[in-house]
Amino acid sequence: MLAKENTVILFQGDSITDANRDRGLHQKHFIGQSYVYLISAKLANDNAEKNPLFINRGISGNRVSDLYARWNEDAFSLKPDVISILIGVNDAWRTVSGEPSGVTDRFERAYRHLLEETKEVLPDTRLILCEPFVLKGSATEEKWDEWQQLVGTYQGIVRQLSEEFQTVFVPLQDAFDEAAQRAEPSYWLFDGVHPSGAGHDVIARRWLDVALQNGLI
């Protein structure tokens, strides 16, 4: 159960979080088709008497530097009690693809700036950092070794930052590796990056388990 009434939980990230969420007047009700929907549905039901609010501000295509650029509007102004962040695949994608926007890797630098500023502006807000993940699929198999190496580096960075800034860390790669033993990788991540419904459920279940273990729900 959530500890207080009117708890605000903000989810941030890229297309994995976005999942066609509403951007207009109905954002509260049409929160997208991602793990955010699954988490918010369960917590909203379990905590109906406490009137929690769930906000999805994920934007497809975002890198961590894009999050930082819009953090005033899409984080600080909302004054959330909890912020959950899942980011990294687009930082890797642009680097592996050799796009101009990926010439320098700003993942760790931008992530650190974001966390430093959040701790300063919202010192009482709990932070949840979700581990980026990848499986071999149509979007990743051609340069699989590069994908695996770079995303693996990001996973280490997120874990390290989580420890340094005393946040909650949600490991996800092992959950998808285990899932891929049950059914082919594309069953969970249809292109090796973007989750299916089953894949989003993998994220949601792990997120809820970790949140429960850390006294967030």
N, C-alpha and C. Protein backbone atom coordinates (compact mmCIF):
# COMPACT_ATOMS: atom_id res chain seq x y z
N MET A 1 0.84 -1.20 0.00
CA MET A 1 0.00 0.00 0.00
C MET A 1 0.88 1.25 0.00
N LEU A 2 0.42 2.28 -0.70
CA LEU A 2 1.12 3.55 -0.70
C LEU A 2 1.02 4.19 0.68
N ALA A 3 2.08 4.86 1.10
CA ALA A 3 2.17 5.37 2.46
C ALA A 3 1.28 6.59 2.70
N LYS A 4 1.03 7.39 1.68
CA LYS A 4 0.29 8.64 1.90
C LYS A 4 -0.79 8.85 0.86
N GLU A 5 -1.70 9.75 1.17
CA GLU A 5 -2.76 10.09 0.23
C GLU A 5 -2.23 11.00 -0.87
N ASN A 6 -2.86 10.91 -2.03
CA ASN A 6 -2.55 11.77 -3.18
C ASN A 6 -1.09 11.66 -3.63
N THR A 7 -0.53 10.48 -3.48
CA THR A 7 0.83 10.25 -3.96
C THR A 7 0.89 10.43 -5.47
N VAL A 8 1.93 11.13 -5.92
CA VAL A 8 2.15 11.35 -7.36
C VAL A 8 3.37 10.56 -7.80
N ILE A 9 3.15 9.63 -8.74
CA ILE A 9 4.25 8.81 -9.27
C ILE A 9 4.42 9.17 -10.75
N LEU A 10 5.62 9.62 -11.09
CA LEU A 10 5.94 10.06 -12.45
C LEU A 10 6.83 9.02 -13.13
N PHE A 11 6.45 8.63 -14.34
CA PHE A 11 7.26 7.70 -15.14
C PHE A 11 7.88 8.47 -16.30
N GLN A 12 9.20 8.30 -16.46
CA GLN A 12 9.93 9.01 -17.49
C GLN A 12 10.73 8.03 -18.35
N GLY A 13 10.88 8.38 -19.64
CA GLY A 13 11.68 7.53 -20.51
C GLY A 13 11.44 7.83 -21.97
N ASP A 14 11.60 6.79 -22.78
CA ASP A 14 11.49 6.91 -24.24
C ASP A 14 10.25 6.18 -24.73
N SER A 15 10.32 5.58 -25.92
CA SER A 15 9.14 4.93 -26.50
C SER A 15 8.66 3.75 -25.66
N ILE A 16 9.55 3.09 -24.96
CA ILE A 16 9.16 1.95 -24.13
C ILE A 16 8.20 2.40 -23.03
N THR A 17 8.41 3.60 -22.54
CA THR A 17 7.54 4.18 -21.52
C THR A 17 6.34 4.88 -22.16
N ASP A 18 6.59 5.63 -23.22
CA ASP A 18 5.58 6.42 -23.93
C ASP A 18 4.39 5.58 -24.36
N ALA A 19 4.63 4.64 -25.25
CA ALA A 19 3.62 3.67 -25.71
C ALA A 19 2.28 4.31 -26.06
N ASN A 20 2.34 5.37 -26.86
CA ASN A 20 1.13 6.04 -27.38
C ASN A 20 0.27 6.66 -26.29
N ARG A 21 0.89 7.18 -25.27
CA ARG A 21 0.12 7.88 -24.23
C ARG A 21 -0.55 9.13 -24.80
N ASP A 22 -1.61 9.56 -24.15
CA ASP A 22 -2.29 10.79 -24.55
C ASP A 22 -1.47 12.00 -24.13
N ARG A 23 -1.44 13.03 -24.99
CA ARG A 23 -0.69 14.24 -24.69
C ARG A 23 -1.61 15.44 -24.42
N GLY A 24 -2.91 15.22 -24.47
CA GLY A 24 -3.87 16.30 -24.32
C GLY A 24 -4.56 16.31 -22.98
N LEU A 25 -5.86 16.48 -23.02
CA LEU A 25 -6.65 16.65 -21.80
C LEU A 25 -6.87 15.35 -21.04
N HIS A 26 -6.60 14.22 -21.69
CA HIS A 26 -6.95 12.94 -21.08
C HIS A 26 -5.72 12.13 -20.66
N GLN A 27 -4.64 12.81 -20.35
CA GLN A 27 -3.41 12.11 -19.97
C GLN A 27 -3.59 11.23 -18.75
N LYS A 28 -4.44 11.67 -17.84
CA LYS A 28 -4.64 10.90 -16.61
C LYS A 28 -5.30 9.56 -16.88
N HIS A 29 -6.12 9.50 -17.91
CA HIS A 29 -6.90 8.30 -18.18
C HIS A 29 -6.30 7.43 -19.29
N PHE A 30 -5.60 8.04 -20.23
CA PHE A 30 -4.98 7.30 -21.32
C PHE A 30 -3.46 7.40 -21.17
N ILE A 31 -2.94 6.53 -20.33
CA ILE A 31 -1.56 6.64 -19.88
C ILE A 31 -0.60 5.82 -20.75
N GLY A 32 -1.10 5.30 -21.88
CA GLY A 32 -0.28 4.50 -22.76
C GLY A 32 -0.47 3.02 -22.55
N GLN A 33 0.20 2.23 -23.36
CA GLN A 33 0.02 0.78 -23.33
C GLN A 33 1.28 0.06 -22.86
N SER A 34 2.06 0.73 -22.03
CA SER A 34 3.33 0.16 -21.59
C SER A 34 3.22 -0.42 -20.18
N TYR A 35 4.37 -0.76 -19.63
CA TYR A 35 4.45 -1.21 -18.24
C TYR A 35 3.85 -0.19 -17.30
N VAL A 36 3.85 1.09 -17.68
CA VAL A 36 3.26 2.14 -16.84
C VAL A 36 1.77 1.86 -16.61
N TYR A 37 1.09 1.45 -17.66
CA TYR A 37 -0.33 1.14 -17.55
C TYR A 37 -0.55 -0.01 -16.57
N LEU A 38 0.26 -1.04 -16.67
CA LEU A 38 0.10 -2.22 -15.82
C LEU A 38 0.38 -1.88 -14.36
N ILE A 39 1.44 -1.12 -14.12
CA ILE A 39 1.78 -0.72 -12.75
C ILE A 39 0.70 0.18 -12.16
N SER A 40 0.31 1.19 -12.93
CA SER A 40 -0.67 2.16 -12.41
C SER A 40 -2.03 1.51 -12.20
N ALA A 41 -2.41 0.57 -13.05
CA ALA A 41 -3.69 -0.10 -12.88
C ALA A 41 -3.74 -0.86 -11.55
N LYS A 42 -2.70 -1.59 -11.25
CA LYS A 42 -2.67 -2.36 -10.01
C LYS A 42 -2.63 -1.45 -8.79
N LEU A 43 -1.72 -0.46 -8.82
CA LEU A 43 -1.58 0.41 -7.66
C LEU A 43 -2.81 1.30 -7.45
N ALA A 44 -3.44 1.72 -8.55
CA ALA A 44 -4.66 2.53 -8.43
C ALA A 44 -5.78 1.73 -7.79
N ASN A 45 -5.90 0.47 -8.15
CA ASN A 45 -6.93 -0.39 -7.57
C ASN A 45 -6.63 -0.66 -6.09
N ASP A 46 -5.39 -1.03 -5.81
CA ASP A 46 -5.02 -1.38 -4.44
C ASP A 46 -5.09 -0.19 -3.49
N ASN A 47 -4.95 1.03 -4.03
CA ASN A 47 -4.87 2.22 -3.18
C ASN A 47 -5.96 3.25 -3.50
N ALA A 48 -7.11 2.77 -3.93
CA ALA A 48 -8.17 3.68 -4.37
C ALA A 48 -8.55 4.70 -3.30
N GLU A 49 -8.54 4.28 -2.04
CA GLU A 49 -8.94 5.18 -0.96
C GLU A 49 -7.95 6.33 -0.77
N LYS A 50 -6.74 6.18 -1.30
CA LYS A 50 -5.71 7.21 -1.12
C LYS A 50 -5.54 8.11 -2.35
N ASN A 51 -6.32 7.84 -3.40
CA ASN A 51 -6.37 8.72 -4.57
C ASN A 51 -4.99 9.02 -5.17
N PRO A 52 -4.22 8.00 -5.55
CA PRO A 52 -2.92 8.26 -6.15
C PRO A 52 -3.06 8.80 -7.57
N LEU A 53 -2.02 9.50 -8.03
CA LEU A 53 -1.98 10.03 -9.39
C LEU A 53 -0.75 9.47 -10.10
N PHE A 54 -0.95 8.92 -11.29
CA PHE A 54 0.14 8.37 -12.08
C PHE A 54 0.29 9.20 -13.35
N ILE A 55 1.52 9.63 -13.62
CA ILE A 55 1.79 10.50 -14.77
C ILE A 55 2.84 9.83 -15.64
N ASN A 56 2.56 9.77 -16.94
CA ASN A 56 3.51 9.23 -17.92
C ASN A 56 3.99 10.38 -18.80
N ARG A 57 5.28 10.69 -18.74
CA ARG A 57 5.85 11.72 -19.59
C ARG A 57 6.98 11.16 -20.46
N GLY A 58 6.92 9.86 -20.73
CA GLY A 58 7.87 9.28 -21.67
C GLY A 58 7.65 9.84 -23.07
N ILE A 59 8.73 10.03 -23.82
CA ILE A 59 8.64 10.52 -25.20
C ILE A 59 9.48 9.64 -26.11
N SER A 60 8.84 9.09 -27.12
CA SER A 60 9.51 8.20 -28.07
C SER A 60 10.73 8.88 -28.68
N GLY A 61 11.83 8.16 -28.74
CA GLY A 61 13.06 8.67 -29.34
C GLY A 61 13.98 9.39 -28.39
N ASN A 62 13.55 9.60 -27.15
CA ASN A 62 14.37 10.37 -26.21
C ASN A 62 15.63 9.64 -25.78
N ARG A 63 16.68 10.43 -25.60
CA ARG A 63 17.91 10.01 -24.92
C ARG A 63 17.91 10.65 -23.54
N VAL A 64 18.87 10.31 -22.71
CA VAL A 64 18.91 10.90 -21.38
C VAL A 64 19.13 12.40 -21.47
N SER A 65 19.86 12.89 -22.47
CA SER A 65 20.06 14.33 -22.63
C SER A 65 18.75 15.03 -22.98
N ASP A 66 17.86 14.34 -23.69
CA ASP A 66 16.53 14.91 -23.99
C ASP A 66 15.70 15.02 -22.72
N LEU A 67 15.79 14.02 -21.85
CA LEU A 67 15.10 14.09 -20.56
C LEU A 67 15.57 15.31 -19.79
N TYR A 68 16.88 15.47 -19.72
CA TYR A 68 17.44 16.58 -18.96
C TYR A 68 16.95 17.92 -19.50
N ALA A 69 16.85 18.03 -20.82
CA ALA A 69 16.45 19.29 -21.45
C ALA A 69 15.02 19.69 -21.09
N ARG A 70 14.17 18.71 -20.80
CA ARG A 70 12.76 19.01 -20.50
C ARG A 70 12.39 18.73 -19.04
N TRP A 71 13.39 18.62 -18.19
CA TRP A 71 13.16 18.21 -16.80
C TRP A 71 12.39 19.24 -15.99
N ASN A 72 12.57 20.53 -16.29
CA ASN A 72 11.79 21.55 -15.57
C ASN A 72 10.30 21.35 -15.78
N GLU A 73 9.90 21.23 -17.05
CA GLU A 73 8.49 21.10 -17.38
C GLU A 73 7.92 19.73 -17.03
N ASP A 74 8.70 18.69 -17.26
CA ASP A 74 8.17 17.33 -17.17
C ASP A 74 8.58 16.57 -15.91
N ALA A 75 9.18 17.28 -14.96
CA ALA A 75 9.50 16.65 -13.67
C ALA A 75 9.34 17.63 -12.52
N PHE A 76 10.16 18.67 -12.50
CA PHE A 76 10.15 19.58 -11.37
C PHE A 76 8.79 20.25 -11.16
N SER A 77 8.17 20.70 -12.24
CA SER A 77 6.90 21.42 -12.12
C SER A 77 5.78 20.53 -11.61
N LEU A 78 5.93 19.21 -11.75
CA LEU A 78 4.89 18.27 -11.33
C LEU A 78 5.00 17.89 -9.85
N LYS A 79 6.14 18.17 -9.25
CA LYS A 79 6.39 17.89 -7.83
C LYS A 79 5.99 16.46 -7.43
N PRO A 80 6.50 15.48 -8.14
CA PRO A 80 6.11 14.09 -7.83
C PRO A 80 6.74 13.59 -6.53
N ASP A 81 6.09 12.62 -5.93
CA ASP A 81 6.64 11.96 -4.76
C ASP A 81 7.65 10.89 -5.16
N VAL A 82 7.43 10.31 -6.34
CA VAL A 82 8.30 9.26 -6.86
C VAL A 82 8.53 9.52 -8.34
N ILE A 83 9.78 9.38 -8.79
CA ILE A 83 10.10 9.45 -10.21
C ILE A 83 10.77 8.15 -10.62
N SER A 84 10.21 7.50 -11.63
CA SER A 84 10.78 6.27 -12.19
C SER A 84 11.34 6.59 -13.57
N ILE A 85 12.60 6.22 -13.81
CA ILE A 85 13.28 6.53 -15.07
C ILE A 85 13.74 5.24 -15.75
N LEU A 86 13.37 5.08 -17.01
CA LEU A 86 13.87 4.00 -17.85
C LEU A 86 14.36 4.63 -19.16
N ILE A 87 15.66 4.66 -19.36
CA ILE A 87 16.24 5.36 -20.51
C ILE A 87 17.53 4.67 -20.94
N GLY A 88 17.93 4.86 -22.18
CA GLY A 88 19.23 4.35 -22.61
C GLY A 88 19.27 3.75 -24.00
N VAL A 89 18.14 3.18 -24.46
CA VAL A 89 18.20 2.46 -25.73
C VAL A 89 18.47 3.40 -26.90
N ASN A 90 17.96 4.63 -26.85
CA ASN A 90 18.20 5.55 -27.96
C ASN A 90 19.61 6.13 -27.94
N ASP A 91 20.18 6.28 -26.75
CA ASP A 91 21.58 6.66 -26.67
C ASP A 91 22.42 5.61 -27.37
N ALA A 92 22.12 4.34 -27.10
CA ALA A 92 22.85 3.25 -27.73
C ALA A 92 22.56 3.18 -29.23
N TRP A 93 21.30 3.32 -29.60
CA TRP A 93 20.88 3.18 -30.99
C TRP A 93 21.61 4.18 -31.89
N ARG A 94 21.66 5.43 -31.45
CA ARG A 94 22.28 6.46 -32.28
C ARG A 94 23.79 6.30 -32.35
N THR A 95 24.38 5.77 -31.28
CA THR A 95 25.82 5.51 -31.30
C THR A 95 26.15 4.35 -32.22
N VAL A 96 25.42 3.25 -32.06
CA VAL A 96 25.67 2.06 -32.90
C VAL A 96 25.39 2.35 -34.37
N SER A 97 24.38 3.18 -34.64
CA SER A 97 24.02 3.51 -36.03
C SER A 97 24.93 4.55 -36.65
N GLY A 98 25.79 5.16 -35.85
CA GLY A 98 26.71 6.16 -36.36
C GLY A 98 26.03 7.46 -36.76
N GLU A 99 24.92 7.78 -36.11
CA GLU A 99 24.21 9.02 -36.41
C GLU A 99 24.96 10.22 -35.83
N PRO A 100 24.81 11.40 -36.44
CA PRO A 100 25.49 12.59 -35.92
C PRO A 100 25.18 12.87 -34.45
N SER A 101 23.95 12.61 -34.05
CA SER A 101 23.56 12.86 -32.66
C SER A 101 24.21 11.89 -31.69
N GLY A 102 24.88 10.87 -32.21
CA GLY A 102 25.55 9.91 -31.35
C GLY A 102 27.06 9.98 -31.43
N VAL A 103 27.58 11.06 -31.96
CA VAL A 103 29.04 11.18 -32.13
C VAL A 103 29.74 11.15 -30.78
N THR A 104 29.20 11.86 -29.79
CA THR A 104 29.73 11.77 -28.43
C THR A 104 28.69 11.11 -27.55
N ASP A 105 29.14 10.27 -26.66
CA ASP A 105 28.24 9.54 -25.79
C ASP A 105 28.05 10.34 -24.50
N ARG A 106 26.88 10.92 -24.33
CA ARG A 106 26.61 11.77 -23.18
C ARG A 106 25.80 11.06 -22.10
N PHE A 107 25.66 9.76 -22.21
CA PHE A 107 24.76 9.03 -21.32
C PHE A 107 25.09 9.28 -19.86
N GLU A 108 26.30 8.97 -19.44
CA GLU A 108 26.64 9.10 -18.03
C GLU A 108 26.63 10.56 -17.59
N ARG A 109 27.19 11.45 -18.40
CA ARG A 109 27.28 12.85 -18.04
C ARG A 109 25.89 13.46 -17.85
N ALA A 110 25.01 13.23 -18.80
CA ALA A 110 23.67 13.81 -18.73
C ALA A 110 22.86 13.18 -17.60
N TYR A 111 23.01 11.88 -17.41
CA TYR A 111 22.28 11.19 -16.34
C TYR A 111 22.71 11.75 -14.98
N ARG A 112 24.01 11.95 -14.82
CA ARG A 112 24.52 12.47 -13.56
C ARG A 112 23.98 13.89 -13.30
N HIS A 113 24.01 14.74 -14.32
CA HIS A 113 23.48 16.09 -14.16
C HIS A 113 22.01 16.05 -13.74
N LEU A 114 21.26 15.17 -14.39
CA LEU A 114 19.83 15.06 -14.09
C LEU A 114 19.61 14.66 -12.64
N LEU A 115 20.36 13.69 -12.16
CA LEU A 115 20.20 13.21 -10.79
C LEU A 115 20.66 14.26 -9.78
N GLU A 116 21.77 14.92 -10.07
CA GLU A 116 22.27 15.96 -9.16
C GLU A 116 21.24 17.07 -8.99
N GLU A 117 20.68 17.51 -10.10
CA GLU A 117 19.72 18.60 -10.04
C GLU A 117 18.42 18.17 -9.37
N THR A 118 18.00 16.93 -9.62
CA THR A 118 16.78 16.43 -9.00
C THR A 118 16.94 16.32 -7.49
N LYS A 119 18.07 15.85 -7.04
CA LYS A 119 18.33 15.77 -5.60
C LYS A 119 18.33 17.15 -4.95
N GLU A 120 18.77 18.15 -5.71
CA GLU A 120 18.81 19.51 -5.19
C GLU A 120 17.42 20.14 -5.15
N VAL A 121 16.66 20.00 -6.23
CA VAL A 121 15.36 20.67 -6.36
C VAL A 121 14.25 19.90 -5.64
N LEU A 122 14.30 18.57 -5.70
CA LEU A 122 13.27 17.73 -5.09
C LEU A 122 13.92 16.75 -4.11
N PRO A 123 14.47 17.24 -3.01
CA PRO A 123 15.24 16.38 -2.11
C PRO A 123 14.44 15.25 -1.46
N ASP A 124 13.12 15.42 -1.37
CA ASP A 124 12.29 14.40 -0.72
C ASP A 124 11.66 13.41 -1.70
N THR A 125 11.89 13.61 -2.98
CA THR A 125 11.32 12.71 -4.00
C THR A 125 12.14 11.44 -4.08
N ARG A 126 11.46 10.30 -4.05
CA ARG A 126 12.15 9.02 -4.21
C ARG A 126 12.41 8.75 -5.68
N LEU A 127 13.58 8.26 -6.00
CA LEU A 127 13.97 7.99 -7.38
C LEU A 127 14.11 6.49 -7.61
N ILE A 128 13.59 6.04 -8.73
CA ILE A 128 13.70 4.65 -9.15
C ILE A 128 14.40 4.64 -10.51
N LEU A 129 15.57 4.01 -10.60
CA LEU A 129 16.30 3.91 -11.85
C LEU A 129 16.17 2.50 -12.40
N CYS A 130 15.58 2.39 -13.59
CA CYS A 130 15.38 1.08 -14.22
C CYS A 130 16.53 0.78 -15.17
N GLU A 131 17.00 -0.43 -15.14
CA GLU A 131 18.11 -0.86 -15.96
C GLU A 131 17.70 -0.98 -17.43
N PRO A 132 18.45 -0.36 -18.35
CA PRO A 132 18.16 -0.58 -19.77
C PRO A 132 18.45 -2.03 -20.13
N PHE A 133 17.83 -2.52 -21.21
CA PHE A 133 17.92 -3.93 -21.55
C PHE A 133 17.88 -4.09 -23.06
N VAL A 134 18.29 -5.26 -23.53
CA VAL A 134 18.29 -5.53 -24.97
C VAL A 134 18.34 -7.05 -25.17
N LEU A 135 17.72 -7.53 -26.22
CA LEU A 135 17.84 -8.91 -26.66
C LEU A 135 18.18 -8.92 -28.14
N LYS A 136 18.63 -10.03 -28.63
CA LYS A 136 18.94 -10.12 -30.06
C LYS A 136 17.64 -10.17 -30.85
N GLY A 137 17.50 -9.25 -31.82
CA GLY A 137 16.29 -9.17 -32.63
C GLY A 137 16.56 -8.43 -33.92
N SER A 138 15.52 -8.13 -34.65
CA SER A 138 15.67 -7.54 -35.98
C SER A 138 16.38 -6.19 -35.96
N ALA A 139 16.25 -5.45 -34.87
CA ALA A 139 16.90 -4.14 -34.79
C ALA A 139 18.32 -4.20 -34.25
N THR A 140 18.68 -5.34 -33.66
CA THR A 140 19.97 -5.41 -32.96
C THR A 140 20.92 -6.49 -33.47
N GLU A 141 20.42 -7.47 -34.22
CA GLU A 141 21.25 -8.63 -34.54
C GLU A 141 22.42 -8.32 -35.47
N GLU A 142 22.25 -7.32 -36.37
CA GLU A 142 23.32 -7.02 -37.32
C GLU A 142 24.59 -6.56 -36.62
N LYS A 143 24.43 -5.78 -35.56
CA LYS A 143 25.58 -5.29 -34.80
C LYS A 143 25.42 -5.71 -33.35
N TRP A 144 25.08 -6.97 -33.15
CA TRP A 144 24.74 -7.47 -31.83
C TRP A 144 25.86 -7.27 -30.82
N ASP A 145 27.10 -7.53 -31.21
CA ASP A 145 28.21 -7.38 -30.25
C ASP A 145 28.33 -5.95 -29.76
N GLU A 146 28.16 -4.98 -30.68
CA GLU A 146 28.21 -3.58 -30.28
C GLU A 146 27.06 -3.22 -29.35
N TRP A 147 25.87 -3.68 -29.71
CA TRP A 147 24.69 -3.43 -28.86
C TRP A 147 24.91 -3.98 -27.46
N GLN A 148 25.34 -5.21 -27.40
CA GLN A 148 25.51 -5.88 -26.12
C GLN A 148 26.55 -5.17 -25.25
N GLN A 149 27.65 -4.78 -25.89
CA GLN A 149 28.71 -4.11 -25.16
C GLN A 149 28.27 -2.74 -24.64
N LEU A 150 27.63 -1.95 -25.50
CA LEU A 150 27.24 -0.61 -25.12
C LEU A 150 26.13 -0.60 -24.08
N VAL A 151 25.10 -1.41 -24.31
CA VAL A 151 24.01 -1.47 -23.33
C VAL A 151 24.54 -2.04 -22.01
N GLY A 152 25.47 -2.98 -22.09
CA GLY A 152 26.07 -3.50 -20.87
C GLY A 152 26.81 -2.42 -20.10
N THR A 153 27.49 -1.54 -20.83
CA THR A 153 28.15 -0.40 -20.19
C THR A 153 27.14 0.51 -19.51
N TYR A 154 26.05 0.79 -20.19
CA TYR A 154 25.00 1.63 -19.61
C TYR A 154 24.39 0.99 -18.37
N GLN A 155 24.23 -0.31 -18.40
CA GLN A 155 23.68 -1.01 -17.24
C GLN A 155 24.57 -0.81 -16.02
N GLY A 156 25.86 -0.90 -16.24
CA GLY A 156 26.80 -0.67 -15.14
C GLY A 156 26.76 0.76 -14.64
N ILE A 157 26.61 1.70 -15.55
CA ILE A 157 26.54 3.11 -15.17
C ILE A 157 25.30 3.38 -14.33
N VAL A 158 24.16 2.86 -14.77
CA VAL A 158 22.92 3.10 -14.03
C VAL A 158 23.00 2.49 -12.64
N ARG A 159 23.54 1.30 -12.54
CA ARG A 159 23.68 0.66 -11.23
C ARG A 159 24.59 1.48 -10.32
N GLN A 160 25.69 1.97 -10.89
CA GLN A 160 26.64 2.78 -10.12
C GLN A 160 26.01 4.09 -9.67
N LEU A 161 25.30 4.76 -10.58
CA LEU A 161 24.64 6.01 -10.23
C LEU A 161 23.56 5.80 -9.17
N SER A 162 22.86 4.68 -9.27
CA SER A 162 21.82 4.37 -8.30
C SER A 162 22.42 4.25 -6.90
N GLU A 163 23.56 3.58 -6.80
CA GLU A 163 24.23 3.45 -5.51
C GLU A 163 24.72 4.80 -5.01
N GLU A 164 25.32 5.56 -5.92
CA GLU A 164 25.90 6.85 -5.54
C GLU A 164 24.84 7.84 -5.05
N PHE A 165 23.70 7.86 -5.73
CA PHE A 165 22.65 8.82 -5.39
C PHE A 165 21.57 8.22 -4.49
N GLN A 166 21.82 7.00 -4.02
CA GLN A 166 20.94 6.32 -3.07
C GLN A 166 19.50 6.25 -3.59
N THR A 167 19.37 5.74 -4.81
CA THR A 167 18.05 5.54 -5.40
C THR A 167 17.71 4.05 -5.35
N VAL A 168 16.51 3.74 -5.77
CA VAL A 168 16.09 2.34 -5.93
C VAL A 168 16.46 1.88 -7.33
N PHE A 169 17.09 0.73 -7.45
CA PHE A 169 17.53 0.19 -8.75
C PHE A 169 16.67 -1.01 -9.12
N VAL A 170 16.15 -0.99 -10.35
CA VAL A 170 15.32 -2.09 -10.85
C VAL A 170 16.09 -2.84 -11.93
N PRO A 171 16.65 -4.01 -11.62
CA PRO A 171 17.35 -4.80 -12.64
C PRO A 171 16.36 -5.44 -13.61
N LEU A 172 16.63 -5.33 -14.90
CA LEU A 172 15.69 -5.86 -15.90
C LEU A 172 16.33 -6.82 -16.90
N GLN A 173 17.63 -6.68 -17.14
CA GLN A 173 18.24 -7.55 -18.15
C GLN A 173 18.11 -9.02 -17.77
N ASP A 174 18.34 -9.34 -16.51
CA ASP A 174 18.24 -10.74 -16.11
C ASP A 174 16.82 -11.26 -16.24
N ALA A 175 15.85 -10.37 -16.02
CA ALA A 175 14.45 -10.79 -16.16
C ALA A 175 14.14 -11.15 -17.61
N PHE A 176 14.67 -10.37 -18.55
CA PHE A 176 14.44 -10.68 -19.96
C PHE A 176 15.27 -11.88 -20.41
N ASP A 177 16.47 -12.04 -19.88
CA ASP A 177 17.28 -13.21 -20.22
C ASP A 177 16.56 -14.49 -19.76
N GLU A 178 15.98 -14.43 -18.59
CA GLU A 178 15.24 -15.59 -18.08
C GLU A 178 13.98 -15.83 -18.92
N ALA A 179 13.30 -14.75 -19.29
CA ALA A 179 12.09 -14.89 -20.10
C ALA A 179 12.42 -15.51 -21.46
N ALA A 180 13.58 -15.15 -22.02
CA ALA A 180 13.98 -15.65 -23.33
C ALA A 180 14.31 -17.14 -23.31
N GLN A 181 14.40 -17.73 -22.11
CA GLN A 181 14.55 -19.17 -22.00
C GLN A 181 13.20 -19.87 -22.11
N ARG A 182 12.13 -19.11 -21.93
CA ARG A 182 10.79 -19.67 -21.98
C ARG A 182 10.17 -19.57 -23.37
N ALA A 183 10.51 -18.50 -24.09
CA ALA A 183 10.01 -18.28 -25.45
C ALA A 183 11.05 -17.45 -26.18
N GLU A 184 11.01 -17.46 -27.50
CA GLU A 184 12.03 -16.76 -28.28
C GLU A 184 12.07 -15.28 -27.92
N PRO A 185 13.23 -14.64 -28.08
CA PRO A 185 13.37 -13.23 -27.69
C PRO A 185 12.30 -12.31 -28.27
N SER A 186 11.89 -12.54 -29.53
CA SER A 186 10.91 -11.66 -30.16
C SER A 186 9.54 -11.74 -29.51
N TYR A 187 9.30 -12.79 -28.73
CA TYR A 187 8.05 -12.90 -27.99
C TYR A 187 7.96 -11.81 -26.93
N TRP A 188 9.12 -11.40 -26.40
CA TRP A 188 9.19 -10.42 -25.31
C TRP A 188 9.55 -9.03 -25.82
N LEU A 189 10.55 -8.96 -26.70
CA LEU A 189 10.97 -7.70 -27.33
C LEU A 189 10.89 -7.94 -28.82
N PHE A 190 9.86 -7.40 -29.47
CA PHE A 190 9.56 -7.85 -30.83
C PHE A 190 10.65 -7.53 -31.84
N ASP A 191 11.48 -6.52 -31.56
CA ASP A 191 12.61 -6.21 -32.44
C ASP A 191 13.94 -6.26 -31.70
N GLY A 192 13.91 -6.78 -30.49
CA GLY A 192 15.10 -6.81 -29.65
C GLY A 192 15.20 -5.63 -28.72
N VAL A 193 14.31 -4.63 -28.92
CA VAL A 193 14.34 -3.39 -28.14
C VAL A 193 12.97 -3.09 -27.51
N HIS A 194 11.92 -3.10 -28.33
CA HIS A 194 10.59 -2.68 -27.88
C HIS A 194 9.78 -3.88 -27.36
N PRO A 195 9.22 -3.76 -26.16
CA PRO A 195 8.50 -4.88 -25.58
C PRO A 195 7.14 -5.14 -26.22
N SER A 196 6.77 -6.40 -26.24
CA SER A 196 5.39 -6.82 -26.52
C SER A 196 4.59 -6.63 -25.24
N GLY A 197 3.32 -7.00 -25.27
CA GLY A 197 2.53 -6.97 -24.04
C GLY A 197 3.15 -7.81 -22.94
N ALA A 198 3.62 -8.99 -23.32
CA ALA A 198 4.27 -9.88 -22.35
C ALA A 198 5.55 -9.24 -21.81
N GLY A 199 6.28 -8.56 -22.69
CA GLY A 199 7.51 -7.89 -22.26
C GLY A 199 7.24 -6.77 -21.28
N HIS A 200 6.19 -6.01 -21.53
CA HIS A 200 5.83 -4.94 -20.59
C HIS A 200 5.45 -5.52 -19.24
N ASP A 201 4.83 -6.69 -19.26
CA ASP A 201 4.47 -7.34 -18.00
C ASP A 201 5.72 -7.78 -17.24
N VAL A 202 6.76 -8.19 -17.96
CA VAL A 202 8.03 -8.53 -17.31
C VAL A 202 8.56 -7.32 -16.54
N ILE A 203 8.53 -6.15 -17.19
CA ILE A 203 9.00 -4.92 -16.54
C ILE A 203 8.14 -4.59 -15.34
N ALA A 204 6.83 -4.61 -15.54
CA ALA A 204 5.90 -4.22 -14.47
C ALA A 204 6.05 -5.11 -13.24
N ARG A 205 6.16 -6.41 -13.45
CA ARG A 205 6.27 -7.33 -12.30
C ARG A 205 7.57 -7.08 -11.53
N ARG A 206 8.66 -6.91 -12.26
CA ARG A 206 9.93 -6.66 -11.57
C ARG A 206 9.89 -5.31 -10.85
N TRP A 207 9.34 -4.29 -11.49
CA TRP A 207 9.24 -2.96 -10.88
C TRP A 207 8.44 -3.04 -9.58
N LEU A 208 7.30 -3.71 -9.62
CA LEU A 208 6.45 -3.82 -8.43
C LEU A 208 7.14 -4.60 -7.33
N ASP A 209 7.86 -5.66 -7.68
CA ASP A 209 8.59 -6.45 -6.69
C ASP A 209 9.62 -5.59 -5.99
N VAL A 210 10.41 -4.85 -6.77
CA VAL A 210 11.46 -4.02 -6.20
C VAL A 210 10.88 -2.87 -5.37
N ALA A 211 9.81 -2.26 -5.88
CA ALA A 211 9.16 -1.17 -5.14
C ALA A 211 8.64 -1.66 -3.79
N LEU A 212 8.08 -2.86 -3.76
CA LEU A 212 7.58 -3.44 -2.53
C LEU A 212 8.73 -3.71 -1.54
N GLN A 213 9.82 -4.27 -2.06
CA GLN A 213 10.99 -4.58 -1.22
C GLN A 213 11.60 -3.32 -0.60
N ASN A 214 11.44 -2.20 -1.29
CA ASN A 214 12.05 -0.94 -0.82
C ASN A 214 11.06 -0.01 -0.13
N GLY A 215 9.88 -0.54 0.20
CA GLY A 215 8.92 0.22 0.98
C GLY A 215 8.24 1.36 0.24
N LEU A 216 8.21 1.29 -1.11
CA LEU A 216 7.57 2.34 -1.88
C LEU A 216 6.07 2.09 -2.06
N ILE A 217 5.67 0.83 -1.93
CA ILE A 217 4.26 0.48 -2.07
C ILE A 217 3.87 -0.51 -0.97
